[in-house]
N, C-alpha and C. Protein backbone atom coordinates (compact mmCIF):
# COMPACT_ATOMS: atom_id res chain seq x y z
N UNK A 1 82.61 87.00 40.08
CA UNK A 1 83.68 86.86 39.13
C UNK A 1 83.24 85.89 38.03
N UNK A 2 83.52 86.22 36.80
CA UNK A 2 83.06 85.39 35.69
C UNK A 2 84.14 84.40 35.26
N UNK A 3 83.72 83.41 34.50
CA UNK A 3 84.61 82.37 34.00
C UNK A 3 85.34 82.88 32.77
N UNK A 4 86.65 82.62 32.72
CA UNK A 4 87.45 83.06 31.57
C UNK A 4 86.98 82.33 30.32
N UNK A 5 87.03 83.00 29.18
CA UNK A 5 86.51 82.43 27.93
C UNK A 5 87.26 81.18 27.51
N UNK A 6 88.53 81.05 27.84
CA UNK A 6 89.29 79.87 27.43
C UNK A 6 88.92 78.64 28.25
N UNK A 7 88.23 78.83 29.37
CA UNK A 7 87.87 77.71 30.24
C UNK A 7 86.44 77.23 30.04
N UNK A 8 85.72 77.82 29.13
CA UNK A 8 84.34 77.41 28.88
C UNK A 8 84.30 76.06 28.19
N UNK A 9 83.16 75.42 28.21
CA UNK A 9 83.03 74.08 27.66
C UNK A 9 83.26 74.05 26.16
N UNK A 10 83.86 72.96 25.69
CA UNK A 10 84.21 72.82 24.28
C UNK A 10 82.97 72.67 23.40
N UNK A 11 81.91 72.03 23.92
CA UNK A 11 80.72 71.81 23.11
C UNK A 11 80.05 73.13 22.73
N UNK A 12 80.16 74.10 23.59
CA UNK A 12 79.50 75.37 23.33
C UNK A 12 80.26 76.21 22.33
N UNK A 13 81.55 75.99 22.22
CA UNK A 13 82.34 76.84 21.33
C UNK A 13 82.03 76.58 19.86
N UNK A 14 81.73 75.33 19.51
CA UNK A 14 81.39 75.01 18.13
C UNK A 14 82.60 74.90 17.22
N UNK A 15 83.79 75.03 17.76
CA UNK A 15 84.99 74.93 16.93
C UNK A 15 85.36 73.47 16.74
N UNK A 16 86.11 73.22 15.69
CA UNK A 16 86.60 71.88 15.40
C UNK A 16 87.77 71.57 16.32
N UNK A 17 87.70 70.43 17.01
CA UNK A 17 88.80 70.03 17.90
C UNK A 17 89.60 68.94 17.21
N UNK A 18 90.90 69.12 17.15
CA UNK A 18 91.75 68.11 16.52
C UNK A 18 92.25 67.09 17.52
N UNK A 19 91.98 67.28 18.79
CA UNK A 19 92.42 66.37 19.84
C UNK A 19 91.19 65.80 20.53
N UNK A 20 91.16 64.48 20.66
CA UNK A 20 90.05 63.83 21.34
C UNK A 20 90.42 63.50 22.77
N UNK A 21 89.42 63.44 23.62
CA UNK A 21 89.61 63.02 24.99
C UNK A 21 89.70 61.49 25.00
N UNK A 22 90.16 60.94 26.13
CA UNK A 22 90.36 59.50 26.24
C UNK A 22 89.08 58.72 25.95
N UNK A 23 87.97 59.16 26.51
CA UNK A 23 86.70 58.45 26.31
C UNK A 23 86.29 58.45 24.84
N UNK A 24 86.54 59.55 24.15
CA UNK A 24 86.20 59.63 22.72
C UNK A 24 87.08 58.69 21.90
N UNK A 25 88.37 58.60 22.25
CA UNK A 25 89.26 57.69 21.51
C UNK A 25 88.87 56.24 21.75
N UNK A 26 88.52 55.89 22.98
CA UNK A 26 88.12 54.52 23.29
C UNK A 26 86.85 54.17 22.52
N UNK A 27 85.89 55.08 22.51
CA UNK A 27 84.63 54.85 21.79
C UNK A 27 84.91 54.61 20.31
N UNK A 28 85.79 55.41 19.69
CA UNK A 28 86.13 55.27 18.28
C UNK A 28 86.82 53.94 18.02
N UNK A 29 87.74 53.53 18.90
CA UNK A 29 88.45 52.26 18.72
C UNK A 29 87.49 51.08 18.84
N UNK A 30 86.54 51.16 19.77
CA UNK A 30 85.57 50.08 19.91
C UNK A 30 84.67 49.98 18.69
N UNK A 31 84.30 51.12 18.10
CA UNK A 31 83.49 51.11 16.88
C UNK A 31 84.24 50.51 15.71
N UNK A 32 85.56 50.66 15.68
CA UNK A 32 86.37 50.14 14.59
C UNK A 32 86.68 48.66 14.74
N UNK A 33 86.24 48.05 15.84
CA UNK A 33 86.38 46.61 15.98
C UNK A 33 87.42 46.14 16.97
N UNK A 34 88.09 47.05 17.65
CA UNK A 34 89.06 46.65 18.66
C UNK A 34 88.31 46.23 19.91
N UNK A 35 88.66 45.07 20.47
CA UNK A 35 87.95 44.57 21.65
C UNK A 35 88.42 45.32 22.89
N UNK A 36 87.53 45.38 23.87
CA UNK A 36 87.83 46.13 25.09
C UNK A 36 89.01 45.50 25.83
N UNK A 37 89.18 44.18 25.74
CA UNK A 37 90.29 43.51 26.41
C UNK A 37 91.63 43.85 25.76
N UNK A 38 91.61 44.20 24.48
CA UNK A 38 92.85 44.49 23.76
C UNK A 38 93.33 45.92 23.95
N UNK A 39 92.49 46.79 24.52
CA UNK A 39 92.88 48.19 24.70
C UNK A 39 93.96 48.30 25.78
N UNK A 40 95.04 49.01 25.49
CA UNK A 40 96.06 49.20 26.52
C UNK A 40 95.58 50.18 27.58
N UNK A 41 96.08 50.00 28.80
CA UNK A 41 95.70 50.91 29.88
C UNK A 41 96.34 52.27 29.64
N UNK A 42 97.62 52.24 29.30
CA UNK A 42 98.35 53.47 29.00
C UNK A 42 98.74 53.47 27.54
N UNK A 43 98.91 54.62 26.99
CA UNK A 43 99.42 54.73 25.62
C UNK A 43 98.42 54.34 24.55
N UNK A 44 97.22 54.87 24.62
CA UNK A 44 96.25 54.62 23.55
C UNK A 44 96.79 55.18 22.24
N UNK A 45 96.52 54.52 21.14
CA UNK A 45 97.02 55.05 19.86
C UNK A 45 96.39 56.40 19.54
N UNK A 46 97.19 57.26 18.93
CA UNK A 46 96.69 58.57 18.54
C UNK A 46 95.85 58.40 17.28
N UNK A 47 94.81 59.19 17.17
CA UNK A 47 93.90 59.12 16.04
C UNK A 47 93.95 60.46 15.33
N UNK A 48 94.29 60.43 14.07
CA UNK A 48 94.35 61.67 13.30
C UNK A 48 92.96 62.02 12.81
N UNK A 49 92.55 63.22 13.11
CA UNK A 49 91.23 63.70 12.72
C UNK A 49 91.43 64.70 11.59
N UNK A 50 90.80 64.45 10.46
CA UNK A 50 90.94 65.32 9.31
C UNK A 50 89.60 65.98 9.04
N UNK A 51 89.63 67.29 8.96
CA UNK A 51 88.41 68.03 8.65
C UNK A 51 88.43 68.38 7.18
N UNK A 52 87.40 67.95 6.47
CA UNK A 52 87.30 68.22 5.04
C UNK A 52 86.49 69.49 4.85
N UNK A 53 86.99 70.37 4.03
CA UNK A 53 86.29 71.61 3.75
C UNK A 53 85.75 71.55 2.32
N UNK A 54 84.46 71.74 2.19
CA UNK A 54 83.84 71.72 0.86
C UNK A 54 84.05 73.07 0.19
N UNK A 55 84.43 73.02 -1.06
CA UNK A 55 84.63 74.27 -1.80
C UNK A 55 83.41 74.51 -2.69
N UNK A 56 83.12 75.76 -2.88
CA UNK A 56 82.00 76.12 -3.74
C UNK A 56 82.45 76.13 -5.19
N UNK A 57 81.56 75.73 -6.07
CA UNK A 57 81.86 75.75 -7.49
C UNK A 57 81.64 77.15 -8.03
N UNK A 58 82.46 77.51 -8.98
CA UNK A 58 82.30 78.83 -9.58
C UNK A 58 81.06 78.83 -10.48
N UNK A 59 80.57 80.00 -10.78
CA UNK A 59 79.37 80.11 -11.61
C UNK A 59 79.61 79.57 -13.02
N UNK A 60 80.82 79.73 -13.53
CA UNK A 60 81.14 79.24 -14.87
C UNK A 60 81.06 77.71 -14.91
N UNK A 61 81.60 77.05 -13.88
CA UNK A 61 81.56 75.58 -13.85
C UNK A 61 80.13 75.08 -13.69
N UNK A 62 79.33 75.78 -12.89
CA UNK A 62 77.94 75.38 -12.73
C UNK A 62 77.18 75.49 -14.05
N UNK A 63 77.46 76.55 -14.80
CA UNK A 63 76.80 76.73 -16.09
C UNK A 63 77.21 75.63 -17.07
N UNK A 64 78.50 75.25 -17.05
CA UNK A 64 78.98 74.18 -17.92
C UNK A 64 78.29 72.86 -17.59
N UNK A 65 78.15 72.57 -16.30
CA UNK A 65 77.51 71.33 -15.90
C UNK A 65 76.05 71.29 -16.32
N UNK A 66 75.38 72.43 -16.24
CA UNK A 66 73.98 72.48 -16.65
C UNK A 66 73.84 72.21 -18.14
N UNK A 67 74.75 72.78 -18.94
CA UNK A 67 74.66 72.57 -20.38
C UNK A 67 75.02 71.13 -20.74
N UNK A 68 75.99 70.54 -20.04
CA UNK A 68 76.36 69.15 -20.30
C UNK A 68 75.25 68.20 -19.90
N UNK A 69 74.60 68.47 -18.78
CA UNK A 69 73.52 67.59 -18.34
C UNK A 69 72.30 67.73 -19.27
N UNK A 70 72.11 68.90 -19.84
CA UNK A 70 71.02 69.10 -20.79
C UNK A 70 71.25 68.37 -22.09
N UNK A 71 72.52 68.27 -22.51
CA UNK A 71 72.85 67.58 -23.75
C UNK A 71 72.72 66.07 -23.61
N UNK A 72 73.06 65.54 -22.43
CA UNK A 72 73.04 64.09 -22.26
C UNK A 72 71.63 63.56 -22.07
N UNK A 73 70.67 64.41 -21.68
CA UNK A 73 69.31 63.92 -21.46
C UNK A 73 68.55 63.74 -22.72
């Protein structure tokens, strides 16, 4: 019997996860300067994860930038 696709490991899926596991949140809080003694046992603060999507420039804008950079040189 095979493993259901929803139960496979998250690292293999390659999708963006908006929810972190406890260990990941603790690691992030320690990197931000919170001391290990100050971390609560229960009720860790939630961390909002924002994924930025880069947009491609249109060909017209790229052409304008090339002409502007050529004029300024």
